[in-house]
Amino acid sequence: MDRAHHLGQPIRSLSMDILLPPTGTGPGVVVAHAWWGLNQAIRDYGAALAKQGFVVGLPDLFDGKIADTIEGAEALASTDRSPNAGERLRSAIAELAAHDAVSGDKVAAVGFSFSGFHLFGLAGADDVPLNRLVIHYATRQVGAQHVPMLVHFAENDPFESTEDMLEVTKALAADGAPNAAYTYPSTRHWFVEPDRPEYDADEAKLAWDRTLAFLRG
């Protein structure tokens, strides 16, 4: 746990790669991939956060397997790895929180779609050292007690119903700041992932700026 490399030179820890910021230490953020697996787009997202001063953990929920088609991703997400995703994320959060380079005893997490759903389930867990949570295009019931949450929704999302997105939005609005949910006009699922045809550069930049401000709290 005391070994770490700077940007561009991740190390393999027990369950994830870890990226250090230029300063070598900082607040921790687990960045959890979508159902494509730990692909280059998510690695680049994590590297961008590290450049902003965060110690970033990149867990691999699919043991090195990566898909680039919806059919392939569905196959990955439907295997026996999927039920274990929540527990793997729980372990990754705990491991990063205990890392020597991380300031404080809790970390944030950022999830995309598949992993976002599973992170929702950890938002209110007392035994998870989580302090903030950012979700992209995923829904799940918001519990009465949870860490501060920021959720980014796509307006035209075939995977998430308007009703479910509205329910999450209302629940977070009722809880007040810094909790928030935003719906991005004319966007589709995966709109923040630059390797997808659904990518929307302008809205992805807005979501990124909001995420940074939220994580810096």
C-alpha atoms as a PDB file:
ATOM      1  CA  MET A   1       0.000   0.000   0.000  1.00  0.00           C
ATOM      2  CA  ASP A   2       2.998   2.337   0.268  1.00  0.00           C
ATOM      3  CA  ARG A   3       4.007   1.831  -3.368  1.00  0.00           C
ATOM      4  CA  ALA A   4       2.631   4.264  -5.926  1.00  0.00           C
ATOM      5  CA  HIS A   5       3.566   5.818  -9.228  1.00  0.00           C
ATOM      6  CA  HIS A   6       2.851   9.261 -10.582  1.00  0.00           C
ATOM      7  CA  LEU A   7       0.661  10.127 -13.561  1.00  0.00           C
ATOM      8  CA  GLY A   8       0.954   7.777 -16.504  1.00  0.00           C
ATOM      9  CA  GLN A   9       2.533   5.049 -14.392  1.00  0.00           C
ATOM     10  CA  PRO A  10      -0.265   3.317 -12.491  1.00  0.00           C
ATOM     11  CA  ILE A  11       0.498   0.483 -10.150  1.00  0.00           C
ATOM     12  CA  ARG A  12      -1.584  -2.621  -9.698  1.00  0.00           C
ATOM     13  CA  SER A  13      -2.781  -2.813  -6.111  1.00  0.00           C
ATOM     14  CA  LEU A  14      -4.924  -5.598  -4.694  1.00  0.00           C
ATOM     15  CA  SER A  15      -7.956  -4.667  -6.797  1.00  0.00           C
ATOM     16  CA  MET A  16      -7.189  -1.619  -8.922  1.00  0.00           C
ATOM     17  CA  ASP A  17      -4.709   0.701 -10.552  1.00  0.00           C
ATOM     18  CA  ILE A  18      -3.840   3.805  -8.531  1.00  0.00           C
ATOM     19  CA  LEU A  19      -2.854   7.158 -10.034  1.00  0.00           C
ATOM     20  CA  LEU A  20      -1.155   9.822  -7.958  1.00  0.00           C
ATOM     21  CA  PRO A  21      -1.442  13.570  -8.495  1.00  0.00           C
ATOM     22  CA  PRO A  22       1.652  15.701  -9.203  1.00  0.00           C
ATOM     23  CA  THR A  23       1.966  16.452  -5.480  1.00  0.00           C
ATOM     24  CA  GLY A  24       1.993  12.751  -4.600  1.00  0.00           C
ATOM     25  CA  THR A  25      -0.863  13.015  -2.117  1.00  0.00           C
ATOM     26  CA  GLY A  26      -4.433  14.289  -2.082  1.00  0.00           C
ATOM     27  CA  PRO A  27      -8.083  13.380  -1.579  1.00  0.00           C
ATOM     28  CA  GLY A  28      -9.080   9.995  -2.945  1.00  0.00           C
ATOM     29  CA  VAL A  29     -11.565   9.210  -5.708  1.00  0.00           C
ATOM     30  CA  VAL A  30     -12.553   5.766  -6.970  1.00  0.00           C
ATOM     31  CA  VAL A  31     -13.487   5.937 -10.667  1.00  0.00           C
ATOM     32  CA  ALA A  32     -15.628   2.937 -11.614  1.00  0.00           C
ATOM     33  CA  HIS A  33     -16.167   1.911 -15.218  1.00  0.00           C
ATOM     34  CA  ALA A  34     -19.341   1.304 -17.223  1.00  0.00           C
ATOM     35  CA  TRP A  35     -20.295  -2.087 -18.624  1.00  0.00           C
ATOM     36  CA  TRP A  36     -17.578  -1.775 -21.294  1.00  0.00           C
ATOM     37  CA  GLY A  37     -14.950  -2.663 -18.700  1.00  0.00           C
ATOM     38  CA  LEU A  38     -11.923  -0.646 -17.638  1.00  0.00           C
ATOM     39  CA  ASN A  39     -11.274   0.863 -21.070  1.00  0.00           C
ATOM     40  CA  GLN A  40      -9.069   3.736 -22.157  1.00  0.00           C
ATOM     41  CA  ALA A  41     -11.849   6.322 -21.853  1.00  0.00           C
ATOM     42  CA  ILE A  42     -12.209   5.622 -18.126  1.00  0.00           C
ATOM     43  CA  ARG A  43      -8.450   5.458 -17.654  1.00  0.00           C
ATOM     44  CA  ASP A  44      -8.194   8.885 -19.294  1.00  0.00           C
ATOM     45  CA  TYR A  45     -10.960  10.224 -17.051  1.00  0.00           C
ATOM     46  CA  GLY A  46      -9.079   8.979 -14.010  1.00  0.00           C
ATOM     47  CA  ALA A  47      -5.828  10.503 -15.256  1.00  0.00           C
ATOM     48  CA  ALA A  48      -7.581  13.845 -15.736  1.00  0.00           C
ATOM     49  CA  LEU A  49      -8.784  13.740 -12.130  1.00  0.00           C
ATOM     50  CA  ALA A  50      -5.285  12.896 -10.933  1.00  0.00           C
ATOM     51  CA  LYS A  51      -3.951  15.955 -12.748  1.00  0.00           C
ATOM     52  CA  GLN A  52      -6.483  17.963 -10.746  1.00  0.00           C
ATOM     53  CA  GLY A  53      -4.939  16.825  -7.468  1.00  0.00           C
ATOM     54  CA  PHE A  54      -6.793  13.608  -6.633  1.00  0.00           C
ATOM     55  CA  VAL A  55      -5.450  10.165  -5.797  1.00  0.00           C
ATOM     56  CA  VAL A  56      -7.451   8.011  -8.184  1.00  0.00           C
ATOM     57  CA  GLY A  57      -8.321   4.336  -7.875  1.00  0.00           C
ATOM     58  CA  LEU A  58      -9.410   2.478 -11.023  1.00  0.00           C
ATOM     59  CA  PRO A  59     -10.990  -0.853 -10.066  1.00  0.00           C
ATOM     60  CA  ASP A  60     -11.426  -3.476 -12.772  1.00  0.00           C
ATOM     61  CA  LEU A  61     -14.759  -5.182 -12.165  1.00  0.00           C
ATOM     62  CA  PHE A  62     -14.417  -7.494 -15.177  1.00  0.00           C
ATOM     63  CA  ASP A  63     -10.915  -8.876 -14.603  1.00  0.00           C
ATOM     64  CA  GLY A  64      -9.327  -7.315 -17.667  1.00  0.00           C
ATOM     65  CA  LYS A  65     -12.133  -8.019 -20.117  1.00  0.00           C
ATOM     66  CA  ILE A  66     -13.244  -5.104 -22.304  1.00  0.00           C
ATOM     67  CA  ALA A  67     -16.127  -4.809 -24.771  1.00  0.00           C
ATOM     68  CA  ASP A  68     -16.623  -2.270 -27.543  1.00  0.00           C
ATOM     69  CA  THR A  69     -20.120  -3.287 -28.648  1.00  0.00           C
ATOM     70  CA  ILE A  70     -23.401  -3.204 -26.753  1.00  0.00           C
ATOM     71  CA  GLU A  71     -23.797  -6.937 -27.272  1.00  0.00           C
ATOM     72  CA  GLY A  72     -20.361  -7.622 -25.855  1.00  0.00           C
ATOM     73  CA  ALA A  73     -20.950  -5.326 -22.899  1.00  0.00           C
ATOM     74  CA  GLU A  74     -24.288  -6.974 -22.159  1.00  0.00           C
ATOM     75  CA  ALA A  75     -22.523 -10.317 -22.080  1.00  0.00           C
ATOM     76  CA  LEU A  76     -19.914  -9.011 -19.639  1.00  0.00           C
ATOM     77  CA  ALA A  77     -22.489  -7.418 -17.363  1.00  0.00           C
ATOM     78  CA  SER A  78     -24.670 -10.529 -17.324  1.00  0.00           C
ATOM     79  CA  THR A  79     -21.920 -12.901 -16.214  1.00  0.00           C
ATOM     80  CA  ASP A  80     -21.299 -13.939 -12.637  1.00  0.00           C
ATOM     81  CA  ARG A  81     -19.094 -10.846 -12.269  1.00  0.00           C
ATOM     82  CA  SER A  82     -22.127  -8.579 -12.116  1.00  0.00           C
ATOM     83  CA  PRO A  83     -23.549  -9.675  -8.731  1.00  0.00           C
ATOM     84  CA  ASN A  84     -20.099  -9.179  -7.224  1.00  0.00           C
ATOM     85  CA  ALA A  85     -19.659  -5.650  -8.574  1.00  0.00           C
ATOM     86  CA  GLY A  86     -21.070  -3.975  -5.477  1.00  0.00           C
ATOM     87  CA  GLU A  87     -18.764  -5.900  -3.168  1.00  0.00           C
ATOM     88  CA  ARG A  88     -15.773  -5.227  -5.382  1.00  0.00           C
ATOM     89  CA  LEU A  89     -16.562  -1.525  -5.296  1.00  0.00           C
ATOM     90  CA  ARG A  90     -16.945  -1.671  -1.534  1.00  0.00           C
ATOM     91  CA  SER A  91     -13.486  -3.240  -1.281  1.00  0.00           C
ATOM     92  CA  ALA A  92     -11.968  -0.727  -3.700  1.00  0.00           C
ATOM     93  CA  ILE A  93     -13.336   2.204  -1.702  1.00  0.00           C
ATOM     94  CA  ALA A  94     -11.973   0.770   1.544  1.00  0.00           C
ATOM     95  CA  GLU A  95      -8.593   0.028  -0.008  1.00  0.00           C
ATOM     96  CA  LEU A  96      -8.174   3.498  -1.488  1.00  0.00           C
ATOM     97  CA  ALA A  97      -9.282   5.156   1.759  1.00  0.00           C
ATOM     98  CA  ALA A  98      -6.475   3.296   3.548  1.00  0.00           C
ATOM     99  CA  HIS A  99      -3.799   4.215   0.982  1.00  0.00           C
ATOM    100  CA  ASP A 100      -0.848   6.182   2.335  1.00  0.00           C
ATOM    101  CA  ALA A 101      -1.191   8.867  -0.345  1.00  0.00           C
ATOM    102  CA  VAL A 102      -4.826   9.654   0.464  1.00  0.00           C
ATOM    103  CA  SER A 103      -5.604  12.551   2.767  1.00  0.00           C
ATOM    104  CA  GLY A 104      -8.403  11.912   5.237  1.00  0.00           C
ATOM    105  CA  ASP A 105     -10.032   8.609   6.072  1.00  0.00           C
ATOM    106  CA  LYS A 106     -12.788   8.634   3.429  1.00  0.00           C
ATOM    107  CA  VAL A 107     -12.866   8.913  -0.357  1.00  0.00           C
ATOM    108  CA  ALA A 108     -15.297   9.889  -3.087  1.00  0.00           C
ATOM    109  CA  ALA A 109     -16.476   7.708  -5.960  1.00  0.00           C
ATOM    110  CA  VAL A 110     -17.480   8.401  -9.559  1.00  0.00           C
ATOM    111  CA  GLY A 111     -19.536   5.822 -11.429  1.00  0.00           C
ATOM    112  CA  PHE A 112     -20.808   5.357 -14.958  1.00  0.00           C
ATOM    113  CA  SER A 113     -24.040   3.522 -15.764  1.00  0.00           C
ATOM    114  CA  PHE A 114     -23.403  -0.101 -14.663  1.00  0.00           C
ATOM    115  CA  SER A 115     -21.065   0.868 -11.836  1.00  0.00           C
ATOM    116  CA  GLY A 116     -23.221   3.876 -10.976  1.00  0.00           C
ATOM    117  CA  PHE A 117     -26.126   1.566 -10.209  1.00  0.00           C
ATOM    118  CA  HIS A 118     -23.977  -0.452  -7.823  1.00  0.00           C
ATOM    119  CA  LEU A 119     -22.522   2.659  -6.185  1.00  0.00           C
ATOM    120  CA  PHE A 120     -26.041   3.876  -5.464  1.00  0.00           C
ATOM    121  CA  GLY A 121     -26.343   0.836  -3.226  1.00  0.00           C
ATOM    122  CA  LEU A 122     -23.333   1.935  -1.155  1.00  0.00           C
ATOM    123  CA  ALA A 123     -24.389   5.569  -0.721  1.00  0.00           C
ATOM    124  CA  GLY A 124     -25.947   5.001   2.681  1.00  0.00           C
ATOM    125  CA  ALA A 125     -23.766   2.205   4.032  1.00  0.00           C
ATOM    126  CA  ASP A 126     -22.267   3.117   7.407  1.00  0.00           C
ATOM    127  CA  ASP A 127     -19.365   0.707   6.970  1.00  0.00           C
ATOM    128  CA  VAL A 128     -18.151   2.166   3.652  1.00  0.00           C
ATOM    129  CA  PRO A 129     -15.579   5.009   3.942  1.00  0.00           C
ATOM    130  CA  LEU A 130     -17.320   7.104   1.304  1.00  0.00           C
ATOM    131  CA  ASN A 131     -17.775  10.870   1.541  1.00  0.00           C
ATOM    132  CA  ARG A 132     -19.168  11.917  -1.853  1.00  0.00           C
ATOM    133  CA  LEU A 133     -20.688  10.165  -4.833  1.00  0.00           C
ATOM    134  CA  VAL A 134     -21.008  11.150  -8.497  1.00  0.00           C
ATOM    135  CA  ILE A 135     -23.228   9.067 -10.774  1.00  0.00           C
ATOM    136  CA  HIS A 136     -23.549   9.236 -14.563  1.00  0.00           C
ATOM    137  CA  TYR A 137     -26.758   7.976 -16.208  1.00  0.00           C
ATOM    138  CA  ALA A 138     -27.932   5.459 -13.653  1.00  0.00           C
ATOM    139  CA  THR A 139     -30.901   5.328 -11.294  1.00  0.00           C
ATOM    140  CA  ARG A 140     -31.784   3.545  -8.097  1.00  0.00           C
ATOM    141  CA  GLN A 141     -33.871   4.397  -5.062  1.00  0.00           C
ATOM    142  CA  VAL A 142     -32.263   7.117  -2.963  1.00  0.00           C
ATOM    143  CA  GLY A 143     -32.182   6.084   0.686  1.00  0.00           C
ATOM    144  CA  ALA A 144     -33.189   8.296   3.583  1.00  0.00           C
ATOM    145  CA  GLN A 145     -29.546   8.524   4.676  1.00  0.00           C
ATOM    146  CA  HIS A 146     -26.755   8.898   2.149  1.00  0.00           C
ATOM    147  CA  VAL A 147     -23.526  10.723   1.406  1.00  0.00           C
ATOM    148  CA  PRO A 148     -23.741  13.906  -0.694  1.00  0.00           C
ATOM    149  CA  MET A 149     -24.585  12.923  -4.265  1.00  0.00           C
ATOM    150  CA  LEU A 150     -24.304  14.489  -7.712  1.00  0.00           C
ATOM    151  CA  VAL A 151     -26.098  12.747 -10.569  1.00  0.00           C
ATOM    152  CA  HIS A 152     -25.790  13.442 -14.297  1.00  0.00           C
ATOM    153  CA  PHE A 153     -28.674  12.260 -16.500  1.00  0.00           C
ATOM    154  CA  ALA A 154     -29.034  12.093 -20.272  1.00  0.00           C
ATOM    155  CA  GLU A 155     -32.302  13.568 -21.505  1.00  0.00           C
ATOM    156  CA  ASN A 156     -32.856  10.871 -24.128  1.00  0.00           C
ATOM    157  CA  ASP A 157     -31.870   7.678 -22.364  1.00  0.00           C
ATOM    158  CA  PRO A 158     -33.279   4.330 -23.517  1.00  0.00           C
ATOM    159  CA  PHE A 159     -31.821   2.623 -20.439  1.00  0.00           C
ATOM    160  CA  GLU A 160     -33.322   4.868 -17.743  1.00  0.00           C
ATOM    161  CA  SER A 161     -36.968   5.894 -17.569  1.00  0.00           C
ATOM    162  CA  THR A 162     -38.032   9.508 -17.245  1.00  0.00           C
ATOM    163  CA  GLU A 163     -39.979   8.542 -14.138  1.00  0.00           C
ATOM    164  CA  ASP A 164     -36.949   7.003 -12.434  1.00  0.00           C
ATOM    165  CA  MET A 165     -34.760   9.989 -13.273  1.00  0.00           C
ATOM    166  CA  LEU A 166     -37.400  12.370 -11.944  1.00  0.00           C
ATOM    167  CA  GLU A 167     -37.687  10.372  -8.722  1.00  0.00           C
ATOM    168  CA  VAL A 168     -33.938  10.643  -8.093  1.00  0.00           C
ATOM    169  CA  THR A 169     -33.948  14.335  -8.998  1.00  0.00           C
ATOM    170  CA  LYS A 170     -36.786  15.098  -6.590  1.00  0.00           C
ATOM    171  CA  ALA A 171     -35.218  13.083  -3.771  1.00  0.00           C
ATOM    172  CA  LEU A 172     -31.894  14.894  -4.048  1.00  0.00           C
ATOM    173  CA  ALA A 173     -33.561  18.290  -4.377  1.00  0.00           C
ATOM    174  CA  ALA A 174     -35.498  17.588  -1.181  1.00  0.00           C
ATOM    175  CA  ASP A 175     -32.252  16.752   0.611  1.00  0.00           C
ATOM    176  CA  GLY A 176     -30.773  20.097  -0.412  1.00  0.00           C
ATOM    177  CA  ALA A 177     -27.272  21.211  -1.340  1.00  0.00           C
ATOM    178  CA  PRO A 178     -24.755  19.901  -2.117  1.00  0.00           C
ATOM    179  CA  ASN A 179     -26.986  17.091  -3.419  1.00  0.00           C
ATOM    180  CA  ALA A 180     -28.078  17.691  -7.009  1.00  0.00           C
ATOM    181  CA  ALA A 181     -29.201  15.967 -10.190  1.00  0.00           C
ATOM    182  CA  TYR A 182     -28.888  17.499 -13.646  1.00  0.00           C
ATOM    183  CA  THR A 183     -30.457  16.425 -16.922  1.00  0.00           C
ATOM    184  CA  TYR A 184     -28.469  17.435 -20.001  1.00  0.00           C
ATOM    185  CA  PRO A 185     -30.616  18.523 -22.974  1.00  0.00           C
ATOM    186  CA  SER A 186     -30.545  16.437 -26.154  1.00  0.00           C
ATOM    187  CA  THR A 187     -27.986  14.012 -24.741  1.00  0.00           C
ATOM    188  CA  ARG A 188     -28.011  10.231 -24.803  1.00  0.00           C
ATOM    189  CA  HIS A 189     -26.661   7.515 -22.520  1.00  0.00           C
ATOM    190  CA  TRP A 190     -22.805   7.574 -22.507  1.00  0.00           C
ATOM    191  CA  PHE A 191     -22.707  11.258 -23.474  1.00  0.00           C
ATOM    192  CA  VAL A 192     -19.597  11.925 -21.350  1.00  0.00           C
ATOM    193  CA  GLU A 193     -17.541   9.062 -22.845  1.00  0.00           C
ATOM    194  CA  PRO A 194     -15.457  10.336 -25.789  1.00  0.00           C
ATOM    195  CA  ASP A 195     -15.082   6.926 -27.427  1.00  0.00           C
ATOM    196  CA  ARG A 196     -18.850   6.553 -27.875  1.00  0.00           C
ATOM    197  CA  PRO A 197     -20.949   7.929 -30.768  1.00  0.00           C
ATOM    198  CA  GLU A 198     -23.282   9.395 -28.138  1.00  0.00           C
ATOM    199  CA  TYR A 199     -20.507  11.674 -26.859  1.00  0.00           C
ATOM    200  CA  ASP A 200     -21.469  15.335 -26.523  1.00  0.00           C
ATOM    201  CA  ALA A 201     -18.351  17.434 -25.949  1.00  0.00           C
ATOM    202  CA  ASP A 202     -20.105  20.546 -24.667  1.00  0.00           C
ATOM    203  CA  GLU A 203     -22.383  18.754 -22.212  1.00  0.00           C
ATOM    204  CA  ALA A 204     -19.569  16.442 -21.125  1.00  0.00           C
ATOM    205  CA  LYS A 205     -17.459  19.502 -20.299  1.00  0.00           C
ATOM    206  CA  LEU A 206     -20.305  20.960 -18.238  1.00  0.00           C
ATOM    207  CA  ALA A 207     -20.731  17.664 -16.364  1.00  0.00           C
ATOM    208  CA  TRP A 208     -16.967  17.547 -15.764  1.00  0.00           C
ATOM    209  CA  ASP A 209     -16.886  21.079 -14.375  1.00  0.00           C
ATOM    210  CA  ARG A 210     -19.776  20.317 -12.041  1.00  0.00           C
ATOM    211  CA  THR A 211     -18.099  17.104 -10.931  1.00  0.00           C
ATOM    212  CA  LEU A 212     -14.832  18.860 -10.113  1.00  0.00           C
ATOM    213  CA  ALA A 213     -16.607  21.561  -8.121  1.00  0.00           C
ATOM    214  CA  PHE A 214     -18.599  18.924  -6.243  1.00  0.00           C
ATOM    215  CA  LEU A 215     -15.580  16.759  -5.434  1.00  0.00           C
ATOM    216  CA  ARG A 216     -13.676  19.769  -4.175  1.00  0.00           C
ATOM    217  CA  GLY A 217     -16.722  20.623  -2.047  1.00  0.00           C
END
